[in-house]
Amino acid sequence: MLTIRLQRIGKNKRPSYRVIISEKGRDTQARNLEILGSYNPLGEKKFDVDQERVLYWISKGSQMSDTVHNLFVKNGIIKEKKKLSVSLTKKRREKIEAAKATEAPAA
C-alpha cells in the first residue's frame, strides 16, 4: 500500500520536511517513489506541494498519514474533516478530566 507522509530533513532543532509517497512498511529515509513537496513548520509555516500530483496519487488509492491529511485539509487541497493525529493514553485522559473537575467548582 502506498502512503503519502512526511520525511524529516534539516538540522538539529531546525526541522524541515518533504512530502513523499512511498510504501507504507518502508522507512521514510529509504527510497521513495516521488517527492510531492515540502513543509517548513518554523517561521511562516510554508507548505508547498504539487497539488495535481497529490490528487493523482490519491485517485490511485494511496493513503495519507493523519498529519499530512490535516495539512491538506488546512491548505484546501482536499475537502474533508481533520483527523485526530495524536492519541491520549487512558491514564493521561483521566488526569485531564480530573484537572477539569477541580477547576469547575472554583469558577
N, C-alpha and C. Protein backbone atom coordinates (compact mmCIF):
# COMPACT_ATOMS: atom_id res chain seq x y z
N MET A 1 0.84 -1.17 0.00
CA MET A 1 0.00 0.00 0.00
C MET A 1 0.89 1.25 0.00
N LEU A 2 0.52 2.22 -0.78
CA LEU A 2 1.28 3.47 -0.85
C LEU A 2 0.73 4.48 0.15
N THR A 3 1.63 5.26 0.72
CA THR A 3 1.26 6.25 1.72
C THR A 3 1.95 7.57 1.43
N ILE A 4 1.19 8.66 1.56
CA ILE A 4 1.76 10.00 1.48
C ILE A 4 2.07 10.42 2.90
N ARG A 5 3.35 10.75 3.16
CA ARG A 5 3.75 11.09 4.52
C ARG A 5 4.93 12.04 4.51
N LEU A 6 5.35 12.44 5.71
CA LEU A 6 6.44 13.40 5.85
C LEU A 6 7.77 12.69 6.06
N GLN A 7 8.82 13.22 5.45
CA GLN A 7 10.19 12.74 5.66
C GLN A 7 10.97 13.90 6.27
N ARG A 8 11.53 13.69 7.46
CA ARG A 8 12.23 14.78 8.14
C ARG A 8 13.60 15.00 7.51
N ILE A 9 13.87 16.26 7.22
CA ILE A 9 15.19 16.67 6.76
C ILE A 9 15.54 17.92 7.56
N GLY A 10 16.74 18.40 7.46
CA GLY A 10 17.11 19.62 8.18
C GLY A 10 18.06 19.34 9.32
N LYS A 11 18.51 20.40 9.93
CA LYS A 11 19.49 20.30 11.01
C LYS A 11 18.81 20.02 12.34
N ASN A 12 19.64 19.79 13.36
CA ASN A 12 19.11 19.60 14.71
C ASN A 12 18.35 20.85 15.16
N LYS A 13 17.18 20.64 15.72
CA LYS A 13 16.31 21.70 16.23
C LYS A 13 15.87 22.69 15.16
N ARG A 14 16.04 22.36 13.90
CA ARG A 14 15.57 23.17 12.77
C ARG A 14 14.90 22.24 11.76
N PRO A 15 13.76 21.63 12.12
CA PRO A 15 13.17 20.63 11.24
C PRO A 15 12.59 21.23 9.97
N SER A 16 12.66 20.45 8.95
CA SER A 16 12.04 20.73 7.67
C SER A 16 11.62 19.37 7.12
N TYR A 17 10.56 19.33 6.37
CA TYR A 17 10.02 18.05 5.94
C TYR A 17 9.78 18.03 4.44
N ARG A 18 9.92 16.85 3.85
CA ARG A 18 9.50 16.59 2.49
C ARG A 18 8.19 15.83 2.55
N VAL A 19 7.30 16.11 1.63
CA VAL A 19 6.08 15.33 1.48
C VAL A 19 6.39 14.29 0.40
N ILE A 20 6.38 13.02 0.79
CA ILE A 20 6.79 11.96 -0.12
C ILE A 20 5.69 10.92 -0.26
N ILE A 21 5.81 10.10 -1.29
CA ILE A 21 4.95 8.93 -1.42
C ILE A 21 5.87 7.72 -1.45
N SER A 22 5.56 6.73 -0.59
CA SER A 22 6.37 5.52 -0.51
C SER A 22 5.52 4.38 0.00
N GLU A 23 6.11 3.20 0.03
CA GLU A 23 5.42 2.03 0.58
C GLU A 23 5.20 2.25 2.08
N LYS A 24 4.06 1.79 2.58
CA LYS A 24 3.71 2.01 3.98
C LYS A 24 4.72 1.36 4.93
N GLY A 25 5.18 0.18 4.62
CA GLY A 25 6.09 -0.53 5.51
C GLY A 25 7.53 -0.09 5.41
N ARG A 26 7.85 0.74 4.47
CA ARG A 26 9.22 1.16 4.23
C ARG A 26 9.59 2.35 5.12
N ASP A 27 10.84 2.42 5.52
CA ASP A 27 11.34 3.53 6.32
C ASP A 27 11.26 4.82 5.50
N THR A 28 10.97 5.94 6.15
CA THR A 28 10.86 7.20 5.42
C THR A 28 12.19 7.66 4.85
N GLN A 29 13.31 7.23 5.44
CA GLN A 29 14.61 7.61 4.92
C GLN A 29 15.06 6.71 3.77
N ALA A 30 14.33 5.65 3.52
CA ALA A 30 14.65 4.76 2.41
C ALA A 30 14.15 5.37 1.11
N ARG A 31 14.36 4.66 0.03
CA ARG A 31 13.97 5.15 -1.29
C ARG A 31 12.46 5.40 -1.35
N ASN A 32 12.06 6.53 -1.95
CA ASN A 32 10.64 6.83 -2.10
C ASN A 32 10.30 6.89 -3.59
N LEU A 33 9.03 6.81 -3.90
CA LEU A 33 8.59 6.84 -5.29
C LEU A 33 8.67 8.24 -5.89
N GLU A 34 8.24 9.24 -5.10
CA GLU A 34 8.21 10.60 -5.62
C GLU A 34 8.19 11.60 -4.46
N ILE A 35 8.83 12.73 -4.67
CA ILE A 35 8.78 13.84 -3.72
C ILE A 35 7.68 14.77 -4.22
N LEU A 36 6.66 14.96 -3.39
CA LEU A 36 5.50 15.75 -3.80
C LEU A 36 5.59 17.21 -3.39
N GLY A 37 6.44 17.52 -2.42
CA GLY A 37 6.56 18.90 -1.97
C GLY A 37 7.36 19.00 -0.70
N SER A 38 7.19 20.12 0.00
CA SER A 38 7.94 20.35 1.24
C SER A 38 7.07 21.10 2.24
N TYR A 39 7.47 21.01 3.50
CA TYR A 39 6.77 21.69 4.60
C TYR A 39 7.81 22.17 5.59
N ASN A 40 7.77 23.46 5.91
CA ASN A 40 8.66 24.05 6.90
C ASN A 40 7.80 24.58 8.04
N PRO A 41 7.79 23.90 9.19
CA PRO A 41 6.92 24.31 10.29
C PRO A 41 7.41 25.53 11.07
N LEU A 42 8.62 25.97 10.81
CA LEU A 42 9.16 27.12 11.53
C LEU A 42 8.87 28.41 10.77
N GLY A 43 8.73 29.49 11.52
CA GLY A 43 8.51 30.78 10.87
C GLY A 43 7.13 30.90 10.26
N GLU A 44 7.07 31.03 8.94
CA GLU A 44 5.80 31.23 8.23
C GLU A 44 5.00 29.96 8.04
N LYS A 45 5.54 28.82 8.42
CA LYS A 45 4.91 27.51 8.22
C LYS A 45 4.59 27.30 6.74
N LYS A 46 5.61 27.38 5.93
CA LYS A 46 5.49 27.29 4.48
C LYS A 46 5.19 25.84 4.06
N PHE A 47 4.13 25.67 3.26
CA PHE A 47 3.69 24.35 2.80
C PHE A 47 3.54 24.40 1.29
N ASP A 48 4.46 23.78 0.57
CA ASP A 48 4.44 23.76 -0.90
C ASP A 48 4.33 22.32 -1.38
N VAL A 49 3.25 22.02 -2.11
CA VAL A 49 3.11 20.70 -2.72
C VAL A 49 2.59 20.85 -4.13
N ASP A 50 2.84 19.85 -4.94
CA ASP A 50 2.30 19.79 -6.30
C ASP A 50 0.91 19.19 -6.18
N GLN A 51 -0.10 20.06 -6.19
CA GLN A 51 -1.47 19.64 -5.94
C GLN A 51 -1.96 18.62 -6.96
N GLU A 52 -1.60 18.77 -8.21
CA GLU A 52 -2.03 17.82 -9.24
C GLU A 52 -1.50 16.42 -8.96
N ARG A 53 -0.23 16.32 -8.56
CA ARG A 53 0.36 15.02 -8.27
C ARG A 53 -0.25 14.40 -7.02
N VAL A 54 -0.55 15.22 -6.02
CA VAL A 54 -1.19 14.71 -4.81
C VAL A 54 -2.55 14.11 -5.16
N LEU A 55 -3.35 14.84 -5.91
CA LEU A 55 -4.67 14.34 -6.29
C LEU A 55 -4.57 13.11 -7.18
N TYR A 56 -3.53 13.04 -8.02
CA TYR A 56 -3.30 11.86 -8.85
C TYR A 56 -3.06 10.63 -7.97
N TRP A 57 -2.16 10.76 -7.01
CA TRP A 57 -1.84 9.60 -6.15
C TRP A 57 -3.03 9.21 -5.28
N ILE A 58 -3.80 10.19 -4.82
CA ILE A 58 -4.99 9.86 -4.03
C ILE A 58 -6.00 9.11 -4.91
N SER A 59 -6.13 9.52 -6.17
CA SER A 59 -7.06 8.83 -7.08
C SER A 59 -6.60 7.40 -7.37
N LYS A 60 -5.30 7.13 -7.27
CA LYS A 60 -4.77 5.79 -7.47
C LYS A 60 -4.91 4.91 -6.23
N GLY A 61 -5.43 5.48 -5.12
CA GLY A 61 -5.70 4.69 -3.93
C GLY A 61 -4.69 4.82 -2.82
N SER A 62 -3.77 5.76 -2.91
CA SER A 62 -2.79 5.89 -1.83
C SER A 62 -3.45 6.54 -0.61
N GLN A 63 -2.97 6.18 0.55
CA GLN A 63 -3.47 6.71 1.81
C GLN A 63 -2.57 7.85 2.26
N MET A 64 -2.97 8.56 3.31
CA MET A 64 -2.16 9.65 3.87
C MET A 64 -2.00 9.42 5.36
N SER A 65 -0.88 9.87 5.91
CA SER A 65 -0.75 9.86 7.36
C SER A 65 -1.72 10.92 7.91
N ASP A 66 -2.08 10.81 9.17
CA ASP A 66 -3.04 11.74 9.76
C ASP A 66 -2.53 13.18 9.72
N THR A 67 -1.24 13.37 9.96
CA THR A 67 -0.66 14.71 9.94
C THR A 67 -0.71 15.31 8.54
N VAL A 68 -0.37 14.53 7.54
CA VAL A 68 -0.42 15.01 6.16
C VAL A 68 -1.86 15.29 5.76
N HIS A 69 -2.78 14.42 6.17
CA HIS A 69 -4.20 14.64 5.89
C HIS A 69 -4.65 15.99 6.45
N ASN A 70 -4.27 16.29 7.69
CA ASN A 70 -4.66 17.55 8.31
C ASN A 70 -4.03 18.75 7.61
N LEU A 71 -2.78 18.60 7.14
CA LEU A 71 -2.15 19.69 6.39
C LEU A 71 -2.88 19.93 5.06
N PHE A 72 -3.29 18.86 4.39
CA PHE A 72 -4.01 19.00 3.13
C PHE A 72 -5.37 19.67 3.35
N VAL A 73 -6.06 19.31 4.43
CA VAL A 73 -7.34 19.93 4.74
C VAL A 73 -7.14 21.42 5.04
N LYS A 74 -6.14 21.73 5.84
CA LYS A 74 -5.87 23.11 6.23
C LYS A 74 -5.54 23.99 5.03
N ASN A 75 -4.84 23.44 4.05
CA ASN A 75 -4.43 24.20 2.87
C ASN A 75 -5.41 24.07 1.70
N GLY A 76 -6.55 23.40 1.91
CA GLY A 76 -7.60 23.35 0.91
C GLY A 76 -7.35 22.40 -0.25
N ILE A 77 -6.44 21.45 -0.09
CA ILE A 77 -6.17 20.50 -1.17
C ILE A 77 -7.25 19.43 -1.23
N ILE A 78 -7.73 19.00 -0.06
CA ILE A 78 -8.85 18.06 0.00
C ILE A 78 -9.93 18.65 0.89
N LYS A 79 -11.17 18.25 0.67
CA LYS A 79 -12.31 18.76 1.43
C LYS A 79 -12.85 17.65 2.32
N GLU A 80 -12.28 17.50 3.49
CA GLU A 80 -12.73 16.52 4.47
C GLU A 80 -12.54 17.12 5.85
N LYS A 81 -12.96 16.38 6.86
CA LYS A 81 -12.73 16.81 8.23
C LYS A 81 -11.32 16.42 8.65
N LYS A 82 -10.77 17.17 9.61
CA LYS A 82 -9.46 16.83 10.14
C LYS A 82 -9.55 15.55 10.95
N LYS A 83 -8.43 14.83 11.01
CA LYS A 83 -8.35 13.60 11.79
C LYS A 83 -7.59 13.88 13.07
N LEU A 84 -7.84 13.09 14.08
CA LEU A 84 -7.11 13.19 15.32
C LEU A 84 -5.77 12.50 15.13
N SER A 85 -4.69 13.27 15.14
CA SER A 85 -3.38 12.68 14.83
C SER A 85 -2.59 12.32 16.08
N VAL A 86 -3.04 12.77 17.24
CA VAL A 86 -2.36 12.44 18.49
C VAL A 86 -3.36 11.74 19.39
N SER A 87 -2.98 10.58 19.90
CA SER A 87 -3.89 9.86 20.78
C SER A 87 -3.43 9.99 22.22
N LEU A 88 -4.40 10.06 23.12
CA LEU A 88 -4.11 10.16 24.54
C LEU A 88 -4.25 8.80 25.19
N THR A 89 -3.36 8.50 26.11
CA THR A 89 -3.50 7.26 26.85
C THR A 89 -4.64 7.41 27.86
N LYS A 90 -5.11 6.28 28.34
CA LYS A 90 -6.21 6.30 29.30
C LYS A 90 -5.80 7.05 30.57
N LYS A 91 -4.57 6.83 31.01
CA LYS A 91 -4.07 7.49 32.22
C LYS A 91 -4.03 9.00 32.04
N ARG A 92 -3.55 9.48 30.88
CA ARG A 92 -3.46 10.91 30.61
C ARG A 92 -4.86 11.52 30.49
N ARG A 93 -5.78 10.82 29.84
CA ARG A 93 -7.15 11.31 29.69
C ARG A 93 -7.82 11.48 31.06
N GLU A 94 -7.60 10.50 31.97
CA GLU A 94 -8.16 10.60 33.31
C GLU A 94 -7.57 11.77 34.07
N LYS A 95 -6.29 12.02 33.90
CA LYS A 95 -5.62 13.13 34.57
C LYS A 95 -6.18 14.47 34.09
N ILE A 96 -6.44 14.60 32.80
CA ILE A 96 -7.02 15.83 32.25
C ILE A 96 -8.44 16.04 32.77
N GLU A 97 -9.22 14.96 32.79
CA GLU A 97 -10.59 15.06 33.30
C GLU A 97 -10.61 15.43 34.78
N ALA A 98 -9.66 14.91 35.56
CA ALA A 98 -9.57 15.25 36.98
C ALA A 98 -9.21 16.71 37.16
N ALA A 99 -8.33 17.23 36.34
CA ALA A 99 -7.95 18.63 36.40
C ALA A 99 -9.13 19.54 36.05
N LYS A 100 -9.92 19.15 35.06
CA LYS A 100 -11.11 19.92 34.69
C LYS A 100 -12.13 19.92 35.82
N ALA A 101 -12.28 18.78 36.50
CA ALA A 101 -13.24 18.66 37.58
C ALA A 101 -12.87 19.55 38.76
N THR A 102 -11.59 19.68 39.02
CA THR A 102 -11.17 20.54 40.14
C THR A 102 -11.28 22.01 39.79
N GLU A 103 -11.18 22.37 38.53
CA GLU A 103 -11.31 23.75 38.09
C GLU A 103 -12.77 24.20 38.04
N ALA A 104 -13.69 23.32 37.72
CA ALA A 104 -15.09 23.68 37.54
C ALA A 104 -15.75 24.27 38.80
N PRO A 105 -15.61 23.68 40.00
CA PRO A 105 -16.26 24.25 41.18
C PRO A 105 -15.70 25.64 41.56
N ALA A 106 -14.45 25.89 41.27
CA ALA A 106 -13.84 27.16 41.63
C ALA A 106 -14.40 28.31 40.80
N ALA A 107 -14.92 28.02 39.62
CA ALA A 107 -15.39 29.09 38.74
C ALA A 107 -16.78 29.51 39.01
